[in-house]
Amino acid sequence: MGTEEKRIMIGVCGGTGSGKTTLARRIYDALGGDALLLNMDCYYKDHKEMPYEERCKLNYDCPSAFDGELLVSHLKALKRGEPIVYPTYDFTRHLRADETVYAESKRVIIIEGILLFDFPEIVNLLDMKIFVDTDADVRILRRLVRDVSERGRSIDSVVSQYLNTVKPMHEKYIEPTKRLADVIVPEGGQNDVAYEMIVNSVLKKISR
């Protein structure tokens, strides 16, 4: 694929447990080999210098928790048609994993994450900005199930983190960025009407 071809970059933002990952995955699956899907969570900063107990106390729901500089550089490279090697993250240890992933640029680049729209440089790169808007009670229940079953967390630790950082950070950083969205999708990946409209819009853009 030549680097002269236009890349379309789609950002999917929303609070924890909103359904943004499900929606991003559905869009990716609909586009087949024309799309690349990236998760902002892979770009959490590494803190190998800290013991596990200290890493557990960090605020993972604010913009400074992410390596924004690396993410921006990777998105710019992908938009130029260049490949990247991106990190992966181990949530059970709150550390970057040893594995990295090589990814070729595609016609459509989808990036999803809770704080995506808090980085002006990222917002400026996006051709379509989607905000997934889901009620807080639904989001906390989804997060509780995910963190306990997939990330080895205790119920008490999930609830404590939600009350101390997730909820206040959502209100401070995430909810205000909804105004930047081109499309607001209630209930995330289960909203079939919004999903079909987004996919049809993207297909029209890449067929030009």
C-alpha atoms as a PDB file:
ATOM      1  CA  MET A   1       0.000   0.000   0.000  1.00  0.00           C
ATOM      2  CA  GLY A   2       1.479   3.326  -0.982  1.00  0.00           C
ATOM      3  CA  THR A   3       2.039   5.989   1.625  1.00  0.00           C
ATOM      4  CA  GLU A   4       0.282   8.521  -0.664  1.00  0.00           C
ATOM      5  CA  GLU A   5      -3.114   7.000   0.161  1.00  0.00           C
ATOM      6  CA  LYS A   6      -5.166   8.973   2.657  1.00  0.00           C
ATOM      7  CA  ARG A   7      -5.585   7.406   6.073  1.00  0.00           C
ATOM      8  CA  ILE A   8      -8.739   7.964   8.094  1.00  0.00           C
ATOM      9  CA  MET A   9      -8.195   8.106  11.853  1.00  0.00           C
ATOM     10  CA  ILE A  10     -11.136   7.434  14.159  1.00  0.00           C
ATOM     11  CA  GLY A  11     -11.060   8.122  17.893  1.00  0.00           C
ATOM     12  CA  VAL A  12     -13.478   6.347  20.237  1.00  0.00           C
ATOM     13  CA  CYS A  13     -13.620   7.907  23.703  1.00  0.00           C
ATOM     14  CA  GLY A  14     -15.812   7.407  26.774  1.00  0.00           C
ATOM     15  CA  GLY A  15     -15.719   6.496  30.423  1.00  0.00           C
ATOM     16  CA  THR A  16     -14.632   3.193  31.888  1.00  0.00           C
ATOM     17  CA  GLY A  17     -17.137   0.448  31.087  1.00  0.00           C
ATOM     18  CA  SER A  18     -19.021   2.637  28.614  1.00  0.00           C
ATOM     19  CA  GLY A  19     -18.824   0.127  25.765  1.00  0.00           C
ATOM     20  CA  LYS A  20     -16.249   2.025  23.715  1.00  0.00           C
ATOM     21  CA  THR A  21     -14.047  -1.061  23.276  1.00  0.00           C
ATOM     22  CA  THR A  22     -17.021  -3.086  22.023  1.00  0.00           C
ATOM     23  CA  LEU A  23     -17.983  -0.361  19.564  1.00  0.00           C
ATOM     24  CA  ALA A  24     -14.396   0.081  18.342  1.00  0.00           C
ATOM     25  CA  ARG A  25     -14.076  -3.695  17.869  1.00  0.00           C
ATOM     26  CA  ARG A  26     -17.332  -3.873  15.903  1.00  0.00           C
ATOM     27  CA  ILE A  27     -16.197  -1.062  13.603  1.00  0.00           C
ATOM     28  CA  TYR A  28     -12.838  -2.781  13.148  1.00  0.00           C
ATOM     29  CA  ASP A  29     -14.459  -6.142  12.352  1.00  0.00           C
ATOM     30  CA  ALA A  30     -16.797  -4.538   9.805  1.00  0.00           C
ATOM     31  CA  LEU A  31     -13.861  -2.999   7.926  1.00  0.00           C
ATOM     32  CA  GLY A  32     -11.860  -6.214   7.714  1.00  0.00           C
ATOM     33  CA  GLY A  33      -8.305  -5.870   6.452  1.00  0.00           C
ATOM     34  CA  ASP A  34      -8.687  -2.140   5.823  1.00  0.00           C
ATOM     35  CA  ALA A  35      -8.465  -1.254   9.540  1.00  0.00           C
ATOM     36  CA  LEU A  36      -6.033  -1.225  12.453  1.00  0.00           C
ATOM     37  CA  LEU A  37      -7.312  -1.095  16.045  1.00  0.00           C
ATOM     38  CA  LEU A  38      -5.222   0.394  18.876  1.00  0.00           C
ATOM     39  CA  ASN A  39      -6.057   0.613  22.573  1.00  0.00           C
ATOM     40  CA  MET A  40      -4.831   3.646  24.521  1.00  0.00           C
ATOM     41  CA  ASP A  41      -4.369   1.389  27.573  1.00  0.00           C
ATOM     42  CA  CYS A  42      -1.242  -0.028  25.925  1.00  0.00           C
ATOM     43  CA  TYR A  43       0.368   3.379  26.443  1.00  0.00           C
ATOM     44  CA  TYR A  44       0.206   3.553  30.229  1.00  0.00           C
ATOM     45  CA  LYS A  45       3.531   4.787  31.561  1.00  0.00           C
ATOM     46  CA  ASP A  46       5.902   2.163  32.893  1.00  0.00           C
ATOM     47  CA  HIS A  47       6.906   2.382  36.571  1.00  0.00           C
ATOM     48  CA  LYS A  48       9.416  -0.406  37.049  1.00  0.00           C
ATOM     49  CA  GLU A  49      11.240   1.795  39.553  1.00  0.00           C
ATOM     50  CA  MET A  50       8.310   1.484  41.991  1.00  0.00           C
ATOM     51  CA  PRO A  51       7.398  -1.536  44.130  1.00  0.00           C
ATOM     52  CA  TYR A  52       4.025  -3.141  43.385  1.00  0.00           C
ATOM     53  CA  GLU A  53       2.403  -1.655  46.480  1.00  0.00           C
ATOM     54  CA  GLU A  54       3.284   1.867  45.333  1.00  0.00           C
ATOM     55  CA  ARG A  55       2.136   1.219  41.759  1.00  0.00           C
ATOM     56  CA  CYS A  56      -1.260   0.158  43.114  1.00  0.00           C
ATOM     57  CA  LYS A  57      -1.704   3.614  44.631  1.00  0.00           C
ATOM     58  CA  LEU A  58      -1.119   5.547  41.403  1.00  0.00           C
ATOM     59  CA  ASN A  59      -3.940   7.397  39.686  1.00  0.00           C
ATOM     60  CA  TYR A  60      -4.511   5.589  36.387  1.00  0.00           C
ATOM     61  CA  ASP A  61      -7.479   7.726  35.376  1.00  0.00           C
ATOM     62  CA  CYS A  62      -5.786  11.052  34.654  1.00  0.00           C
ATOM     63  CA  PRO A  63      -3.954  12.191  31.490  1.00  0.00           C
ATOM     64  CA  SER A  64      -0.520  12.091  33.153  1.00  0.00           C
ATOM     65  CA  ALA A  65      -0.846   8.305  33.593  1.00  0.00           C
ATOM     66  CA  PHE A  66      -0.305   7.877  29.857  1.00  0.00           C
ATOM     67  CA  ASP A  67       2.772   8.233  27.667  1.00  0.00           C
ATOM     68  CA  GLY A  68       1.080  10.779  25.454  1.00  0.00           C
ATOM     69  CA  GLU A  69       4.278  11.657  23.613  1.00  0.00           C
ATOM     70  CA  LEU A  70       4.797   8.063  22.447  1.00  0.00           C
ATOM     71  CA  LEU A  71       1.148   7.645  21.471  1.00  0.00           C
ATOM     72  CA  VAL A  72       1.121  10.874  19.452  1.00  0.00           C
ATOM     73  CA  SER A  73       4.331   9.913  17.650  1.00  0.00           C
ATOM     74  CA  HIS A  74       2.868   6.497  16.768  1.00  0.00           C
ATOM     75  CA  LEU A  75      -0.399   7.967  15.486  1.00  0.00           C
ATOM     76  CA  LYS A  76       1.495  10.475  13.340  1.00  0.00           C
ATOM     77  CA  ALA A  77       3.613   7.666  11.903  1.00  0.00           C
ATOM     78  CA  LEU A  78       0.538   5.580  11.107  1.00  0.00           C
ATOM     79  CA  LYS A  79      -1.127   8.528   9.410  1.00  0.00           C
ATOM     80  CA  ARG A  80       1.973   8.892   7.238  1.00  0.00           C
ATOM     81  CA  GLY A  81       1.573   5.241   6.271  1.00  0.00           C
ATOM     82  CA  GLU A  82       4.500   4.007   8.367  1.00  0.00           C
ATOM     83  CA  PRO A  83       4.493   0.907  10.616  1.00  0.00           C
ATOM     84  CA  ILE A  84       4.925   1.092  14.394  1.00  0.00           C
ATOM     85  CA  VAL A  85       5.968  -1.192  17.233  1.00  0.00           C
ATOM     86  CA  TYR A  86       3.698  -0.451  20.189  1.00  0.00           C
ATOM     87  CA  PRO A  87       3.909  -1.568  23.824  1.00  0.00           C
ATOM     88  CA  THR A  88       1.541  -3.851  25.729  1.00  0.00           C
ATOM     89  CA  TYR A  89       0.487  -3.558  29.354  1.00  0.00           C
ATOM     90  CA  ASP A  90       0.078  -6.032  32.208  1.00  0.00           C
ATOM     91  CA  PHE A  91      -2.795  -4.843  34.407  1.00  0.00           C
ATOM     92  CA  THR A  92      -2.222  -7.539  37.004  1.00  0.00           C
ATOM     93  CA  ARG A  93       1.209  -6.023  37.800  1.00  0.00           C
ATOM     94  CA  HIS A  94       0.605  -2.397  36.731  1.00  0.00           C
ATOM     95  CA  LEU A  95       3.617  -2.624  34.424  1.00  0.00           C
ATOM     96  CA  ARG A  96       4.377  -2.691  30.737  1.00  0.00           C
ATOM     97  CA  ALA A  97       4.686  -6.248  29.540  1.00  0.00           C
ATOM     98  CA  ASP A  98       7.805  -7.515  27.799  1.00  0.00           C
ATOM     99  CA  GLU A  99       5.911  -8.152  24.564  1.00  0.00           C
ATOM    100  CA  THR A 100       5.591  -5.495  21.867  1.00  0.00           C
ATOM    101  CA  VAL A 101       3.421  -5.567  18.742  1.00  0.00           C
ATOM    102  CA  TYR A 102       4.435  -4.700  15.185  1.00  0.00           C
ATOM    103  CA  ALA A 103       1.583  -3.024  13.282  1.00  0.00           C
ATOM    104  CA  GLU A 104       1.344  -1.897   9.677  1.00  0.00           C
ATOM    105  CA  SER A 105      -0.600   1.254   8.871  1.00  0.00           C
ATOM    106  CA  LYS A 106      -4.050   0.729   7.334  1.00  0.00           C
ATOM    107  CA  ARG A 107      -6.584   2.817   5.429  1.00  0.00           C
ATOM    108  CA  VAL A 108      -8.556   3.222   8.667  1.00  0.00           C
ATOM    109  CA  ILE A 109      -6.818   3.604  12.044  1.00  0.00           C
ATOM    110  CA  ILE A 110      -9.076   3.236  15.092  1.00  0.00           C
ATOM    111  CA  ILE A 111      -7.796   4.325  18.500  1.00  0.00           C
ATOM    112  CA  GLU A 112      -9.919   3.949  21.624  1.00  0.00           C
ATOM    113  CA  GLY A 113      -9.378   5.084  25.193  1.00  0.00           C
ATOM    114  CA  ILE A 114     -10.863   6.849  28.190  1.00  0.00           C
ATOM    115  CA  LEU A 115      -8.769  10.028  27.939  1.00  0.00           C
ATOM    116  CA  LEU A 116      -8.211  10.201  24.209  1.00  0.00           C
ATOM    117  CA  PHE A 117      -9.814  13.624  23.774  1.00  0.00           C
ATOM    118  CA  ASP A 118      -7.731  15.156  26.588  1.00  0.00           C
ATOM    119  CA  PHE A 119      -4.711  15.309  24.275  1.00  0.00           C
ATOM    120  CA  PRO A 120      -5.118  18.198  21.784  1.00  0.00           C
ATOM    121  CA  GLU A 121      -2.475  16.760  19.457  1.00  0.00           C
ATOM    122  CA  ILE A 122      -4.463  13.522  19.209  1.00  0.00           C
ATOM    123  CA  VAL A 123      -7.750  15.359  18.678  1.00  0.00           C
ATOM    124  CA  ASN A 124      -6.158  17.282  15.804  1.00  0.00           C
ATOM    125  CA  LEU A 125      -5.154  14.009  14.123  1.00  0.00           C
ATOM    126  CA  LEU A 126      -8.634  12.502  14.246  1.00  0.00           C
ATOM    127  CA  ASP A 127     -10.940  12.576  11.232  1.00  0.00           C
ATOM    128  CA  MET A 128     -13.884  11.239  13.250  1.00  0.00           C
ATOM    129  CA  LYS A 129     -14.378  11.675  16.995  1.00  0.00           C
ATOM    130  CA  ILE A 130     -16.866   9.337  18.703  1.00  0.00           C
ATOM    131  CA  PHE A 131     -17.894   9.630  22.353  1.00  0.00           C
ATOM    132  CA  VAL A 132     -19.647   6.663  23.953  1.00  0.00           C
ATOM    133  CA  ASP A 133     -22.089   7.900  26.593  1.00  0.00           C
ATOM    134  CA  THR A 134     -23.352   5.336  29.125  1.00  0.00           C
ATOM    135  CA  ASP A 135     -24.939   5.749  32.569  1.00  0.00           C
ATOM    136  CA  ALA A 136     -22.524   5.648  35.512  1.00  0.00           C
ATOM    137  CA  ASP A 137     -24.263   2.734  37.266  1.00  0.00           C
ATOM    138  CA  VAL A 138     -23.895   0.566  34.164  1.00  0.00           C
ATOM    139  CA  ARG A 139     -20.259   1.550  33.755  1.00  0.00           C
ATOM    140  CA  ILE A 140     -19.227   0.703  37.327  1.00  0.00           C
ATOM    141  CA  LEU A 141     -20.917  -2.700  37.143  1.00  0.00           C
ATOM    142  CA  ARG A 142     -19.131  -3.494  33.886  1.00  0.00           C
ATOM    143  CA  ARG A 143     -15.804  -2.361  35.326  1.00  0.00           C
ATOM    144  CA  LEU A 144     -16.308  -4.412  38.477  1.00  0.00           C
ATOM    145  CA  VAL A 145     -16.937  -7.591  36.495  1.00  0.00           C
ATOM    146  CA  ARG A 146     -13.999  -6.937  34.153  1.00  0.00           C
ATOM    147  CA  ASP A 147     -11.415  -6.060  36.799  1.00  0.00           C
ATOM    148  CA  VAL A 148     -12.284  -9.008  39.037  1.00  0.00           C
ATOM    149  CA  SER A 149     -12.515 -11.619  36.278  1.00  0.00           C
ATOM    150  CA  GLU A 150      -9.816 -10.394  33.875  1.00  0.00           C
ATOM    151  CA  ARG A 151      -7.354  -8.364  35.937  1.00  0.00           C
ATOM    152  CA  GLY A 152      -7.183 -10.303  39.195  1.00  0.00           C
ATOM    153  CA  ARG A 153      -8.539  -7.480  41.339  1.00  0.00           C
ATOM    154  CA  SER A 154     -10.573  -7.771  44.540  1.00  0.00           C
ATOM    155  CA  ILE A 155     -14.061  -6.258  44.744  1.00  0.00           C
ATOM    156  CA  ASP A 156     -12.946  -3.949  47.559  1.00  0.00           C
ATOM    157  CA  SER A 157     -10.012  -2.606  45.547  1.00  0.00           C
ATOM    158  CA  VAL A 158     -12.187  -1.954  42.483  1.00  0.00           C
ATOM    159  CA  VAL A 159     -14.818  -0.104  44.518  1.00  0.00           C
ATOM    160  CA  SER A 160     -12.168   1.922  46.367  1.00  0.00           C
ATOM    161  CA  GLN A 161     -10.432   2.895  43.137  1.00  0.00           C
ATOM    162  CA  TYR A 162     -13.744   3.854  41.532  1.00  0.00           C
ATOM    163  CA  LEU A 163     -14.740   6.158  44.378  1.00  0.00           C
ATOM    164  CA  ASN A 164     -11.285   7.690  44.904  1.00  0.00           C
ATOM    165  CA  THR A 165     -10.069   8.215  41.345  1.00  0.00           C
ATOM    166  CA  VAL A 166     -12.254   6.797  38.565  1.00  0.00           C
ATOM    167  CA  LYS A 167     -15.430   8.756  39.336  1.00  0.00           C
ATOM    168  CA  PRO A 168     -13.807  12.139  40.138  1.00  0.00           C
ATOM    169  CA  MET A 169     -11.416  11.845  37.172  1.00  0.00           C
ATOM    170  CA  HIS A 170     -14.312  10.996  34.860  1.00  0.00           C
ATOM    171  CA  GLU A 171     -16.134  14.119  35.971  1.00  0.00           C
ATOM    172  CA  LYS A 172     -13.014  16.280  35.690  1.00  0.00           C
ATOM    173  CA  TYR A 173     -11.379  15.012  32.498  1.00  0.00           C
ATOM    174  CA  ILE A 174     -13.617  12.695  30.469  1.00  0.00           C
ATOM    175  CA  GLU A 175     -17.170  14.033  30.634  1.00  0.00           C
ATOM    176  CA  PRO A 176     -16.158  17.579  29.522  1.00  0.00           C
ATOM    177  CA  THR A 177     -14.547  16.212  26.328  1.00  0.00           C
ATOM    178  CA  LYS A 178     -17.927  14.983  25.092  1.00  0.00           C
ATOM    179  CA  ARG A 179     -18.359  18.434  23.514  1.00  0.00           C
ATOM    180  CA  LEU A 180     -15.436  17.670  21.172  1.00  0.00           C
ATOM    181  CA  ALA A 181     -17.172  14.646  19.640  1.00  0.00           C
ATOM    182  CA  ASP A 182     -18.574  14.527  16.131  1.00  0.00           C
ATOM    183  CA  VAL A 183     -20.840  11.655  17.157  1.00  0.00           C
ATOM    184  CA  ILE A 184     -22.221  10.789  20.616  1.00  0.00           C
ATOM    185  CA  VAL A 185     -23.315   7.149  20.942  1.00  0.00           C
ATOM    186  CA  PRO A 186     -25.588   6.195  23.845  1.00  0.00           C
ATOM    187  CA  GLU A 187     -24.982   2.706  25.272  1.00  0.00           C
ATOM    188  CA  GLY A 188     -21.862   1.967  23.271  1.00  0.00           C
ATOM    189  CA  GLY A 189     -21.387  -1.190  21.283  1.00  0.00           C
ATOM    190  CA  GLN A 190     -24.995  -2.303  21.603  1.00  0.00           C
ATOM    191  CA  ASN A 191     -26.337   0.705  19.697  1.00  0.00           C
ATOM    192  CA  ASP A 192     -26.857  -0.889  16.285  1.00  0.00           C
ATOM    193  CA  VAL A 193     -28.227   2.247  14.599  1.00  0.00           C
ATOM    194  CA  ALA A 194     -25.194   4.349  15.541  1.00  0.00           C
ATOM    195  CA  TYR A 195     -22.811   1.508  14.654  1.00  0.00           C
ATOM    196  CA  GLU A 196     -24.306   1.109  11.172  1.00  0.00           C
ATOM    197  CA  MET A 197     -24.246   4.868  10.536  1.00  0.00           C
ATOM    198  CA  ILE A 198     -20.567   5.088  11.532  1.00  0.00           C
ATOM    199  CA  VAL A 199     -19.508   2.092   9.440  1.00  0.00           C
ATOM    200  CA  ASN A 200     -21.419   3.325   6.386  1.00  0.00           C
ATOM    201  CA  SER A 201     -19.827   6.762   6.736  1.00  0.00           C
ATOM    202  CA  VAL A 202     -16.325   5.267   6.926  1.00  0.00           C
ATOM    203  CA  LEU A 203     -16.946   2.957   3.973  1.00  0.00           C
ATOM    204  CA  LYS A 204     -18.014   5.953   1.876  1.00  0.00           C
ATOM    205  CA  LYS A 205     -14.865   7.838   2.820  1.00  0.00           C
ATOM    206  CA  ILE A 206     -12.468   5.014   1.906  1.00  0.00           C
ATOM    207  CA  SER A 207     -14.272   4.258  -1.372  1.00  0.00           C
ATOM    208  CA  ARG A 208     -13.663   7.737  -2.744  1.00  0.00           C
END
